[in-house]
Amino acid sequence: MAAAPRLRVLLGEATAMGPGKAALLEAIAESGSISRAAKAMGMSYRRAWLLVETMNGCFRAPLVEAARGGSGGGGARVTPLGHEVLLRYREMEEHAAEVLAPELADFAALTRDSSDEKDG
């Protein structure tokens, strides 16, 4: 099992961006819908909506804009700022993984792996 960092960007008490929120943004961008994105990720619509509200509240403008349902259906889109935040977050993740690789390897060497486990 390879060790990997999980980056969370905190703004006060709120997590402005983390792995789950980044995945949700990507799913919304792909599906055009908060509900379809939530379903694809195995989370409730309410949970997805709360994550979107938190993200939207942490930045200078919304990351996701949603349209209510109706005859034309609803939908959601990731805004240009949302795409920029997601890109920068993914770049920070890559940078953190590169910088921490030696320390993570040393740390992983201290953990039990499946070959060390004994039956019974």
Protein backbone atom coordinates (compact mmCIF):
# COMPACT_ATOMS: atom_id res chain seq x y z
CA MET A 1 0.00 0.00 0.00
CA ALA A 2 1.54 3.29 -1.09
CA ALA A 3 1.35 6.26 1.25
CA ALA A 4 -0.11 9.43 -0.24
CA PRO A 5 -0.92 12.87 1.18
CA ARG A 6 -4.51 14.12 1.24
CA LEU A 7 -4.61 17.88 0.92
CA ARG A 8 -7.29 19.97 2.60
CA VAL A 9 -7.37 23.75 2.33
CA LEU A 10 -8.93 25.31 5.42
CA LEU A 11 -10.38 28.80 5.64
CA GLY A 12 -11.13 29.32 9.30
CA GLU A 13 -13.29 26.43 10.44
CA ALA A 14 -14.42 25.50 6.92
CA THR A 15 -12.63 23.17 4.56
CA ALA A 16 -12.71 25.27 1.41
CA MET A 17 -11.36 22.45 -0.74
CA GLY A 18 -10.37 18.85 -0.19
CA PRO A 19 -10.36 15.55 -2.07
CA GLY A 20 -14.11 15.00 -1.80
CA LYS A 21 -15.05 18.52 -2.83
CA ALA A 22 -12.65 18.39 -5.77
CA ALA A 23 -14.17 15.08 -6.90
CA LEU A 24 -17.66 16.57 -6.52
CA LEU A 25 -16.70 19.59 -8.65
CA GLU A 26 -15.36 17.25 -11.33
CA ALA A 27 -18.53 15.17 -11.22
CA ILE A 28 -20.74 18.27 -11.51
CA ALA A 29 -18.68 19.51 -14.45
CA GLU A 30 -19.04 16.13 -16.14
CA SER A 31 -22.74 15.55 -15.44
CA GLY A 32 -24.13 19.09 -15.42
CA SER A 33 -26.12 18.23 -12.31
CA ILE A 34 -25.58 18.19 -8.56
CA SER A 35 -28.00 15.28 -8.14
CA ARG A 36 -26.37 13.17 -10.88
CA ALA A 37 -22.92 13.99 -9.48
CA ALA A 38 -24.04 12.97 -5.98
CA LYS A 39 -25.52 9.73 -7.27
CA ALA A 40 -22.35 8.90 -9.21
CA MET A 41 -20.33 9.46 -6.03
CA GLY A 42 -22.68 7.47 -3.81
CA MET A 43 -23.66 10.42 -1.64
CA SER A 44 -26.99 12.01 -0.87
CA TYR A 45 -28.15 15.05 -2.78
CA ARG A 46 -28.37 16.93 0.52
CA ARG A 47 -24.74 16.15 1.36
CA ALA A 48 -23.62 17.26 -2.11
CA TRP A 49 -25.66 20.46 -1.85
CA LEU A 50 -24.14 21.27 1.56
CA LEU A 51 -20.63 20.76 0.15
CA VAL A 52 -21.44 23.05 -2.77
CA GLU A 53 -22.82 25.70 -0.38
CA THR A 54 -19.63 25.50 1.71
CA MET A 55 -17.41 25.85 -1.36
CA ASN A 56 -19.49 28.71 -2.73
CA GLY A 57 -19.29 30.50 0.61
CA CYS A 58 -15.51 30.20 0.89
CA PHE A 59 -14.59 31.92 -2.37
CA ARG A 60 -15.11 35.41 -3.75
CA ALA A 61 -17.72 34.11 -6.21
CA PRO A 62 -19.60 30.82 -6.56
CA LEU A 63 -17.77 27.74 -7.82
CA VAL A 64 -21.05 26.12 -8.84
CA GLU A 65 -24.17 27.78 -10.19
CA ALA A 66 -27.39 25.79 -10.03
CA ALA A 67 -30.66 26.26 -11.88
CA ARG A 68 -33.91 25.04 -10.37
CA GLY A 69 -35.84 22.26 -12.05
CA GLY A 70 -38.99 22.82 -14.01
CA SER A 71 -40.18 22.09 -17.51
CA GLY A 72 -36.67 22.52 -18.91
CA GLY A 73 -35.11 20.65 -16.00
CA GLY A 74 -32.58 21.99 -13.60
CA GLY A 75 -28.89 21.62 -13.76
CA ALA A 76 -25.66 22.97 -12.47
CA ARG A 77 -22.44 24.21 -13.92
CA VAL A 78 -18.97 24.74 -12.58
CA THR A 79 -18.10 28.40 -13.04
CA PRO A 80 -14.83 29.66 -14.52
CA LEU A 81 -13.67 30.38 -10.95
CA GLY A 82 -14.64 26.82 -10.01
CA HIS A 83 -12.51 25.43 -12.83
CA GLU A 84 -9.59 27.65 -11.76
CA VAL A 85 -9.89 26.60 -8.10
CA LEU A 86 -10.03 22.94 -9.14
CA LEU A 87 -6.98 23.29 -11.38
CA ARG A 88 -4.97 25.04 -8.66
CA TYR A 89 -6.04 22.46 -6.07
CA ARG A 90 -4.96 19.57 -8.32
CA GLU A 91 -1.61 21.32 -8.91
CA MET A 92 -1.13 21.73 -5.14
CA GLU A 93 -1.91 18.03 -4.67
CA GLU A 94 0.72 17.07 -7.24
CA HIS A 95 3.27 19.41 -5.69
CA ALA A 96 2.61 18.08 -2.18
CA ALA A 97 2.99 14.49 -3.40
CA GLU A 98 6.31 15.28 -5.09
CA VAL A 99 7.72 17.18 -2.12
CA LEU A 100 6.59 14.61 0.44
CA ALA A 101 7.54 11.47 -1.54
CA PRO A 102 10.79 10.76 0.36
CA GLU A 103 9.20 11.33 3.77
CA LEU A 104 6.16 9.24 2.83
CA ALA A 105 8.41 6.38 1.74
CA ASP A 106 10.22 6.52 5.09
CA PHE A 107 6.89 6.71 6.91
CA ALA A 108 5.46 3.78 4.93
CA ALA A 109 8.50 1.70 5.90
CA LEU A 110 7.37 2.03 9.53
CA THR A 111 3.91 0.63 8.87
CA ARG A 112 2.75 -2.95 8.75
CA ASP A 113 2.17 -4.26 5.26
CA SER A 114 0.30 -7.38 4.26
CA SER A 115 3.48 -9.48 4.05
CA ASP A 116 4.17 -8.81 7.76
CA GLU A 117 0.76 -10.05 8.89
CA LYS A 118 0.48 -13.57 10.28
CA ASP A 119 -2.57 -15.79 10.04
CA GLY A 120 -4.63 -16.41 13.12
